[in-house]
């Protein structure tokens, strides 16, 4: 198992590439181990995106911005 939480975005990408290269080397056969690692990496990426989006929404609530511009005709 990978320790994805301690990996930088670059390390996550490199791990994905290594797994995909291993799959390609074995003729495109995806083992359950490969799939588990890919799922784990994707889950960590999804988690980080969700945290970033939540932080953005929270900061918008704090400073009163919504990202929507009001137009006056």
Foldseek 3Di string as FASTA:
>chain_A
DDPQVPDDPVRLVVVLVVLVVVCVVVVNDQDVVSVVSVVVSVVVVVVVVVVVVVVVVVVCVVVVHDPDDDDDD
